[in-house]
Amino acid sequence: MENSQYNLCVEVLKRMHKAGVLKNIVLIGSWCGLFYKEYFSGQRYIASIMTRDMDFLVPVPMNIKEKVDIEDLLKDLGFILGFKGSEGYIKLEHPELTVEFLVPERGAGTDKPFKLPQLGLNAQKLRYLDLLITKIIRVEVDGFKVNLPHPALFSLHKLIVSGERKSNEKKQKDQEAALKIMKALIVKGELDKLRFFFSSFHVKLRNRIVKVLNDLGENNLGKSLIDEASINN
């Protein structure tokens, strides 16, 4: 990872913190892997390679009271307004980073963007994002706090969504990131955390996770989450 990309990421976070927005949103995606190093301090932990995507999850109902124009907040850093897909999901693009906001999709779902008037943007709805905010941790970055999903939830979520990836490269990256964090949690003595969150998921999601682990040759890891006899119950 280039220092300039990391510095840009931190500057984006810092500006959102000063604007009063950061405390009400959750950083998700590949950048979590880097910032989990504080959680895994004291043990050998090497984060996966970061991507350009810097994704923020906005919990719904929203708790954002401040009205901040995110485009205006970041434009002097070189970010320009961009669009994703035919439905016009808004993102902010920079040669080194892409900032995008997401919200959990519930019910029947819709292709329409979710408007975020407080931020002057709109967000894309995606399935399974609610899983990531079951338990939030706060880590310090350059003197301020950033909300992240608990690493156990992050890794389990990565395994779930990896099966829906159209790109084999992205699928592989999701699975590698998930395994790296799961194994770090086990070394840290937190297999119980993985089991706890795993057991809270719907049986279909649990089955999907175990299938992915088995396909990866990680049968023992799958068995360590839940005994085989109860998988289909």
C-alpha atoms as a PDB file:
ATOM      1  CA  MET A   1       0.000   0.000   0.000  1.00  0.00           C
ATOM      2  CA  GLU A   2       1.302   3.424  -0.947  1.00  0.00           C
ATOM      3  CA  ASN A   3       1.766   5.915   1.886  1.00  0.00           C
ATOM      4  CA  SER A   4      -0.112   8.512  -0.160  1.00  0.00           C
ATOM      5  CA  GLN A   5      -3.185   6.252  -0.320  1.00  0.00           C
ATOM      6  CA  TYR A   6      -3.086   5.633   3.432  1.00  0.00           C
ATOM      7  CA  ASN A   7      -2.608   9.352   4.152  1.00  0.00           C
ATOM      8  CA  LEU A   8      -5.558  10.191   1.902  1.00  0.00           C
ATOM      9  CA  CYS A   9      -7.721   7.624   3.669  1.00  0.00           C
ATOM     10  CA  VAL A  10      -6.835   9.084   7.068  1.00  0.00           C
ATOM     11  CA  GLU A  11      -7.517  12.623   5.826  1.00  0.00           C
ATOM     12  CA  VAL A  12     -10.976  11.587   4.615  1.00  0.00           C
ATOM     13  CA  LEU A  13     -11.711  10.043   8.008  1.00  0.00           C
ATOM     14  CA  LYS A  14     -10.351  13.087   9.828  1.00  0.00           C
ATOM     15  CA  ARG A  15     -12.538  15.497   7.874  1.00  0.00           C
ATOM     16  CA  MET A  16     -15.634  13.381   8.495  1.00  0.00           C
ATOM     17  CA  HIS A  17     -14.727  13.276  12.175  1.00  0.00           C
ATOM     18  CA  LYS A  18     -14.384  17.066  12.384  1.00  0.00           C
ATOM     19  CA  ALA A  19     -17.688  17.470  10.537  1.00  0.00           C
ATOM     20  CA  GLY A  20     -19.419  15.297  13.158  1.00  0.00           C
ATOM     21  CA  VAL A  21     -20.380  12.548  10.704  1.00  0.00           C
ATOM     22  CA  LEU A  22     -17.877   9.795  11.434  1.00  0.00           C
ATOM     23  CA  LYS A  23     -19.350   8.864  14.818  1.00  0.00           C
ATOM     24  CA  ASN A  24     -22.644   7.856  13.164  1.00  0.00           C
ATOM     25  CA  ILE A  25     -21.315   5.727  10.301  1.00  0.00           C
ATOM     26  CA  VAL A  26     -19.278   2.519  10.101  1.00  0.00           C
ATOM     27  CA  LEU A  27     -16.230   1.913   7.934  1.00  0.00           C
ATOM     28  CA  ILE A  28     -16.574  -1.440   6.174  1.00  0.00           C
ATOM     29  CA  GLY A  29     -14.734  -3.204   3.352  1.00  0.00           C
ATOM     30  CA  SER A  30     -11.047  -3.895   2.856  1.00  0.00           C
ATOM     31  CA  TRP A  31      -9.797  -0.907   4.882  1.00  0.00           C
ATOM     32  CA  CYS A  32     -11.133  -2.544   8.032  1.00  0.00           C
ATOM     33  CA  GLY A  33      -8.388  -5.140   7.694  1.00  0.00           C
ATOM     34  CA  LEU A  34      -5.739  -2.459   8.139  1.00  0.00           C
ATOM     35  CA  PHE A  35      -7.369  -0.766  11.115  1.00  0.00           C
ATOM     36  CA  TYR A  36      -7.969  -4.076  12.902  1.00  0.00           C
ATOM     37  CA  LYS A  37      -4.240  -4.068  13.684  1.00  0.00           C
ATOM     38  CA  GLU A  38      -5.077  -2.226  16.927  1.00  0.00           C
ATOM     39  CA  TYR A  39      -7.525  -4.979  17.894  1.00  0.00           C
ATOM     40  CA  PHE A  40      -4.875  -7.616  17.202  1.00  0.00           C
ATOM     41  CA  SER A  41      -2.001  -5.713  18.803  1.00  0.00           C
ATOM     42  CA  GLY A  42       0.505  -7.971  20.499  1.00  0.00           C
ATOM     43  CA  GLN A  43       0.202 -10.744  17.950  1.00  0.00           C
ATOM     44  CA  ARG A  44       1.505 -11.292  14.436  1.00  0.00           C
ATOM     45  CA  TYR A  45      -1.172  -9.827  12.183  1.00  0.00           C
ATOM     46  CA  ILE A  46      -0.666  -8.645   8.625  1.00  0.00           C
ATOM     47  CA  ALA A  47      -3.612  -6.965   6.922  1.00  0.00           C
ATOM     48  CA  SER A  48      -4.755  -7.969   3.468  1.00  0.00           C
ATOM     49  CA  ILE A  49      -4.051  -5.668   0.539  1.00  0.00           C
ATOM     50  CA  MET A  50      -6.245  -2.571   0.564  1.00  0.00           C
ATOM     51  CA  THR A  51      -8.389  -1.709  -2.456  1.00  0.00           C
ATOM     52  CA  ARG A  52      -9.402   1.710  -3.759  1.00  0.00           C
ATOM     53  CA  ASP A  53     -12.887   1.219  -2.323  1.00  0.00           C
ATOM     54  CA  MET A  54     -13.533   3.051   0.918  1.00  0.00           C
ATOM     55  CA  ASP A  55     -17.056   2.039   1.920  1.00  0.00           C
ATOM     56  CA  PHE A  56     -19.150   3.507   4.702  1.00  0.00           C
ATOM     57  CA  LEU A  57     -22.245   1.851   6.124  1.00  0.00           C
ATOM     58  CA  VAL A  58     -25.009   4.167   7.294  1.00  0.00           C
ATOM     59  CA  PRO A  59     -27.229   2.394   9.859  1.00  0.00           C
ATOM     60  CA  VAL A  60     -30.965   2.806   9.259  1.00  0.00           C
ATOM     61  CA  PRO A  61     -32.774   4.559  10.883  1.00  0.00           C
ATOM     62  CA  MET A  62     -30.101   7.199  10.546  1.00  0.00           C
ATOM     63  CA  ASN A  63     -28.732   9.094  13.514  1.00  0.00           C
ATOM     64  CA  ILE A  64     -26.967  11.788  11.503  1.00  0.00           C
ATOM     65  CA  LYS A  65     -28.064  15.154  12.844  1.00  0.00           C
ATOM     66  CA  GLU A  66     -25.448  17.334  11.168  1.00  0.00           C
ATOM     67  CA  LYS A  67     -25.994  18.340   7.554  1.00  0.00           C
ATOM     68  CA  VAL A  68     -22.697  18.022   5.689  1.00  0.00           C
ATOM     69  CA  ASP A  69     -22.045  18.215   1.966  1.00  0.00           C
ATOM     70  CA  ILE A  70     -19.580  15.342   1.568  1.00  0.00           C
ATOM     71  CA  GLU A  71     -18.733  16.342  -1.999  1.00  0.00           C
ATOM     72  CA  ASP A  72     -17.785  19.837  -0.856  1.00  0.00           C
ATOM     73  CA  LEU A  73     -15.935  18.431   2.161  1.00  0.00           C
ATOM     74  CA  LEU A  74     -13.582  16.359  -0.008  1.00  0.00           C
ATOM     75  CA  LYS A  75     -13.376  18.188  -3.331  1.00  0.00           C
ATOM     76  CA  ASP A  76     -10.136  20.059  -2.574  1.00  0.00           C
ATOM     77  CA  LEU A  77      -8.482  16.667  -2.045  1.00  0.00           C
ATOM     78  CA  GLY A  78      -9.188  15.854  -5.675  1.00  0.00           C
ATOM     79  CA  PHE A  79     -12.424  13.862  -5.289  1.00  0.00           C
ATOM     80  CA  ILE A  80     -15.025  14.288  -8.023  1.00  0.00           C
ATOM     81  CA  LEU A  81     -18.638  13.194  -8.125  1.00  0.00           C
ATOM     82  CA  GLY A  82     -19.193   9.903  -9.917  1.00  0.00           C
ATOM     83  CA  PHE A  83     -22.041   7.503 -10.509  1.00  0.00           C
ATOM     84  CA  LYS A  84     -22.330   3.731 -10.276  1.00  0.00           C
ATOM     85  CA  GLY A  85     -24.682   1.636 -12.381  1.00  0.00           C
ATOM     86  CA  SER A  86     -27.761   2.625 -14.336  1.00  0.00           C
ATOM     87  CA  GLU A  87     -29.644   3.613 -11.183  1.00  0.00           C
ATOM     88  CA  GLY A  88     -27.216   6.436 -10.415  1.00  0.00           C
ATOM     89  CA  TYR A  89     -25.703   5.490  -7.080  1.00  0.00           C
ATOM     90  CA  ILE A  90     -23.414   8.357  -6.129  1.00  0.00           C
ATOM     91  CA  LYS A  91     -19.772   7.878  -5.194  1.00  0.00           C
ATOM     92  CA  LEU A  92     -16.772  10.173  -4.871  1.00  0.00           C
ATOM     93  CA  GLU A  93     -13.799   9.242  -7.020  1.00  0.00           C
ATOM     94  CA  HIS A  94     -10.099   9.926  -6.691  1.00  0.00           C
ATOM     95  CA  PRO A  95      -7.232   8.187  -8.521  1.00  0.00           C
ATOM     96  CA  GLU A  96      -6.288   6.516  -5.224  1.00  0.00           C
ATOM     97  CA  LEU A  97      -9.636   6.103  -3.442  1.00  0.00           C
ATOM     98  CA  THR A  98     -13.347   5.766  -4.133  1.00  0.00           C
ATOM     99  CA  VAL A  99     -15.689   6.798  -1.316  1.00  0.00           C
ATOM    100  CA  GLU A 100     -19.139   5.249  -1.312  1.00  0.00           C
ATOM    101  CA  PHE A 101     -22.031   5.080   1.160  1.00  0.00           C
ATOM    102  CA  LEU A 102     -24.179   1.983   1.663  1.00  0.00           C
ATOM    103  CA  VAL A 103     -27.307   1.124   3.658  1.00  0.00           C
ATOM    104  CA  PRO A 104     -28.794  -2.254   4.589  1.00  0.00           C
ATOM    105  CA  GLU A 105     -31.426  -3.634   2.222  1.00  0.00           C
ATOM    106  CA  ARG A 106     -34.463  -5.114   3.934  1.00  0.00           C
ATOM    107  CA  GLY A 107     -37.696  -6.701   2.790  1.00  0.00           C
ATOM    108  CA  ALA A 108     -38.427  -7.146  -0.904  1.00  0.00           C
ATOM    109  CA  GLY A 109     -35.696  -4.720  -1.894  1.00  0.00           C
ATOM    110  CA  THR A 110     -35.517  -2.080  -4.601  1.00  0.00           C
ATOM    111  CA  ASP A 111     -33.028  -0.861  -7.198  1.00  0.00           C
ATOM    112  CA  LYS A 112     -33.680   2.766  -6.306  1.00  0.00           C
ATOM    113  CA  PRO A 113     -30.903   4.640  -4.473  1.00  0.00           C
ATOM    114  CA  PHE A 114     -31.471   5.509  -0.827  1.00  0.00           C
ATOM    115  CA  LYS A 115     -31.324   9.262  -0.398  1.00  0.00           C
ATOM    116  CA  LEU A 116     -29.007  10.719   2.239  1.00  0.00           C
ATOM    117  CA  PRO A 117     -29.971  14.407   2.247  1.00  0.00           C
ATOM    118  CA  GLN A 118     -27.866  15.022   5.369  1.00  0.00           C
ATOM    119  CA  LEU A 119     -24.773  14.162   3.322  1.00  0.00           C
ATOM    120  CA  GLY A 120     -25.840  15.497  -0.088  1.00  0.00           C
ATOM    121  CA  LEU A 121     -25.534  12.001  -1.576  1.00  0.00           C
ATOM    122  CA  ASN A 122     -27.458   8.812  -2.113  1.00  0.00           C
ATOM    123  CA  ALA A 123     -26.546   5.282  -1.095  1.00  0.00           C
ATOM    124  CA  GLN A 124     -26.814   1.810  -2.541  1.00  0.00           C
ATOM    125  CA  LYS A 125     -28.818  -0.799  -0.622  1.00  0.00           C
ATOM    126  CA  LEU A 126     -27.142  -4.176  -0.137  1.00  0.00           C
ATOM    127  CA  ARG A 127     -28.198  -7.394   1.570  1.00  0.00           C
ATOM    128  CA  TYR A 128     -26.594  -8.692   4.764  1.00  0.00           C
ATOM    129  CA  LEU A 129     -25.146  -5.324   5.841  1.00  0.00           C
ATOM    130  CA  ASP A 130     -27.254  -5.457   9.015  1.00  0.00           C
ATOM    131  CA  LEU A 131     -24.992  -8.310  10.141  1.00  0.00           C
ATOM    132  CA  LEU A 132     -22.020  -5.944  10.290  1.00  0.00           C
ATOM    133  CA  ILE A 133     -23.569  -3.624  12.860  1.00  0.00           C
ATOM    134  CA  THR A 134     -24.607  -6.317  15.329  1.00  0.00           C
ATOM    135  CA  LYS A 135     -21.469  -5.421  17.274  1.00  0.00           C
ATOM    136  CA  ILE A 136     -19.310  -2.339  16.621  1.00  0.00           C
ATOM    137  CA  ILE A 137     -15.806  -1.708  17.894  1.00  0.00           C
ATOM    138  CA  ARG A 138     -14.094   1.677  18.015  1.00  0.00           C
ATOM    139  CA  VAL A 139     -10.431   1.970  17.128  1.00  0.00           C
ATOM    140  CA  GLU A 140      -8.148   4.978  17.313  1.00  0.00           C
ATOM    141  CA  VAL A 141      -6.782   6.414  14.078  1.00  0.00           C
ATOM    142  CA  ASP A 142      -4.552   9.486  14.267  1.00  0.00           C
ATOM    143  CA  GLY A 143      -6.132  10.713  17.490  1.00  0.00           C
ATOM    144  CA  PHE A 144      -9.809  10.089  16.736  1.00  0.00           C
ATOM    145  CA  LYS A 145     -12.127   7.075  16.834  1.00  0.00           C
ATOM    146  CA  VAL A 146     -13.460   5.087  13.873  1.00  0.00           C
ATOM    147  CA  ASN A 147     -16.374   2.647  14.016  1.00  0.00           C
ATOM    148  CA  LEU A 148     -15.659  -0.822  12.574  1.00  0.00           C
ATOM    149  CA  PRO A 149     -17.662  -4.063  12.561  1.00  0.00           C
ATOM    150  CA  HIS A 150     -16.382  -6.568  15.095  1.00  0.00           C
ATOM    151  CA  PRO A 151     -13.721  -8.636  13.279  1.00  0.00           C
ATOM    152  CA  ALA A 152     -15.734 -11.841  13.803  1.00  0.00           C
ATOM    153  CA  LEU A 153     -18.742 -10.335  12.039  1.00  0.00           C
ATOM    154  CA  PHE A 154     -16.536  -8.895   9.314  1.00  0.00           C
ATOM    155  CA  SER A 155     -14.985 -12.278   8.525  1.00  0.00           C
ATOM    156  CA  LEU A 156     -18.265 -14.217   8.586  1.00  0.00           C
ATOM    157  CA  HIS A 157     -19.919 -11.587   6.388  1.00  0.00           C
ATOM    158  CA  LYS A 158     -17.050 -11.848   3.881  1.00  0.00           C
ATOM    159  CA  LEU A 159     -17.648 -15.589   3.556  1.00  0.00           C
ATOM    160  CA  ILE A 160     -21.380 -15.055   3.008  1.00  0.00           C
ATOM    161  CA  VAL A 161     -21.011 -12.444   0.265  1.00  0.00           C
ATOM    162  CA  SER A 162     -18.092 -14.184  -1.438  1.00  0.00           C
ATOM    163  CA  GLY A 163     -20.515 -16.728  -2.857  1.00  0.00           C
ATOM    164  CA  GLU A 164     -22.403 -13.970  -4.674  1.00  0.00           C
ATOM    165  CA  ARG A 165     -19.363 -12.399  -6.309  1.00  0.00           C
ATOM    166  CA  LYS A 166     -19.345 -12.487 -10.097  1.00  0.00           C
ATOM    167  CA  SER A 167     -15.607 -11.812 -10.175  1.00  0.00           C
ATOM    168  CA  ASN A 168     -13.446 -14.760  -9.135  1.00  0.00           C
ATOM    169  CA  GLU A 169     -10.709 -12.326  -8.118  1.00  0.00           C
ATOM    170  CA  LYS A 170     -13.012 -10.465  -5.711  1.00  0.00           C
ATOM    171  CA  LYS A 171     -14.394 -13.765  -4.432  1.00  0.00           C
ATOM    172  CA  GLN A 172     -10.888 -14.991  -3.668  1.00  0.00           C
ATOM    173  CA  LYS A 173      -9.938 -11.718  -1.951  1.00  0.00           C
ATOM    174  CA  ASP A 174     -13.055 -11.878   0.237  1.00  0.00           C
ATOM    175  CA  GLN A 175     -12.290 -15.427   1.291  1.00  0.00           C
ATOM    176  CA  GLU A 176      -8.601 -14.766   1.941  1.00  0.00           C
ATOM    177  CA  ALA A 177      -9.444 -11.733   4.083  1.00  0.00           C
ATOM    178  CA  ALA A 178     -12.061 -13.723   6.015  1.00  0.00           C
ATOM    179  CA  LEU A 179      -9.717 -16.629   6.741  1.00  0.00           C
ATOM    180  CA  LYS A 180      -6.889 -14.340   7.805  1.00  0.00           C
ATOM    181  CA  ILE A 181      -9.081 -12.573  10.370  1.00  0.00           C
ATOM    182  CA  MET A 182     -10.797 -15.748  11.595  1.00  0.00           C
ATOM    183  CA  LYS A 183      -7.446 -17.385  12.258  1.00  0.00           C
ATOM    184  CA  ALA A 184      -6.174 -14.232  13.997  1.00  0.00           C
ATOM    185  CA  LEU A 185      -9.240 -14.335  16.258  1.00  0.00           C
ATOM    186  CA  ILE A 186      -8.546 -17.980  17.126  1.00  0.00           C
ATOM    187  CA  VAL A 187      -4.915 -17.150  17.986  1.00  0.00           C
ATOM    188  CA  LYS A 188      -6.229 -14.298  20.148  1.00  0.00           C
ATOM    189  CA  GLY A 189      -8.393 -16.837  22.002  1.00  0.00           C
ATOM    190  CA  GLU A 190     -11.691 -15.555  20.607  1.00  0.00           C
ATOM    191  CA  LEU A 191     -13.110 -18.628  18.892  1.00  0.00           C
ATOM    192  CA  ASP A 192     -16.063 -18.162  21.235  1.00  0.00           C
ATOM    193  CA  LYS A 193     -16.801 -14.790  19.604  1.00  0.00           C
ATOM    194  CA  LEU A 194     -16.894 -16.415  16.171  1.00  0.00           C
ATOM    195  CA  ARG A 195     -19.201 -19.144  17.484  1.00  0.00           C
ATOM    196  CA  PHE A 196     -21.457 -16.632  19.213  1.00  0.00           C
ATOM    197  CA  PHE A 197     -22.054 -14.496  16.126  1.00  0.00           C
ATOM    198  CA  PHE A 198     -22.228 -17.531  13.840  1.00  0.00           C
ATOM    199  CA  SER A 199     -24.958 -19.080  15.997  1.00  0.00           C
ATOM    200  CA  SER A 200     -26.979 -15.853  15.815  1.00  0.00           C
ATOM    201  CA  PHE A 201     -27.286 -16.080  12.016  1.00  0.00           C
ATOM    202  CA  HIS A 202     -30.160 -17.710  10.156  1.00  0.00           C
ATOM    203  CA  VAL A 203     -29.535 -21.395   9.459  1.00  0.00           C
ATOM    204  CA  LYS A 204     -29.292 -20.719   5.701  1.00  0.00           C
ATOM    205  CA  LEU A 205     -26.432 -18.298   6.274  1.00  0.00           C
ATOM    206  CA  ARG A 206     -24.720 -20.705   8.654  1.00  0.00           C
ATOM    207  CA  ASN A 207     -24.952 -23.457   6.047  1.00  0.00           C
ATOM    208  CA  ARG A 208     -23.504 -21.119   3.430  1.00  0.00           C
ATOM    209  CA  ILE A 209     -20.550 -20.217   5.634  1.00  0.00           C
ATOM    210  CA  VAL A 210     -19.744 -23.858   6.375  1.00  0.00           C
ATOM    211  CA  LYS A 211     -20.021 -24.787   2.699  1.00  0.00           C
ATOM    212  CA  VAL A 212     -17.548 -22.059   1.722  1.00  0.00           C
ATOM    213  CA  LEU A 213     -15.120 -23.198   4.418  1.00  0.00           C
ATOM    214  CA  ASN A 214     -15.423 -26.816   3.275  1.00  0.00           C
ATOM    215  CA  ASP A 215     -14.885 -25.790  -0.355  1.00  0.00           C
ATOM    216  CA  LEU A 216     -11.709 -24.002   0.752  1.00  0.00           C
ATOM    217  CA  GLY A 217     -10.477 -27.113   2.513  1.00  0.00           C
ATOM    218  CA  GLU A 218     -11.056 -25.519   5.923  1.00  0.00           C
ATOM    219  CA  ASN A 219     -13.307 -28.311   7.202  1.00  0.00           C
ATOM    220  CA  ASN A 220     -11.888 -28.160  10.719  1.00  0.00           C
ATOM    221  CA  LEU A 221     -12.587 -24.458  10.919  1.00  0.00           C
ATOM    222  CA  GLY A 222     -16.181 -25.083   9.882  1.00  0.00           C
ATOM    223  CA  LYS A 223     -16.541 -27.833  12.485  1.00  0.00           C
ATOM    224  CA  SER A 224     -15.100 -25.550  15.138  1.00  0.00           C
ATOM    225  CA  LEU A 225     -17.948 -23.090  14.600  1.00  0.00           C
ATOM    226  CA  ILE A 226     -20.759 -25.587  15.139  1.00  0.00           C
ATOM    227  CA  ASP A 227     -21.095 -29.345  15.386  1.00  0.00           C
ATOM    228  CA  GLU A 228     -22.055 -31.042  12.137  1.00  0.00           C
ATOM    229  CA  ALA A 229     -25.245 -32.591  13.481  1.00  0.00           C
ATOM    230  CA  SER A 230     -26.921 -29.242  14.084  1.00  0.00           C
ATOM    231  CA  ILE A 231     -25.982 -27.551  10.791  1.00  0.00           C
ATOM    232  CA  ASN A 232     -29.265 -28.340   9.085  1.00  0.00           C
ATOM    233  CA  ASN A 233     -31.537 -27.835  12.076  1.00  0.00           C
END
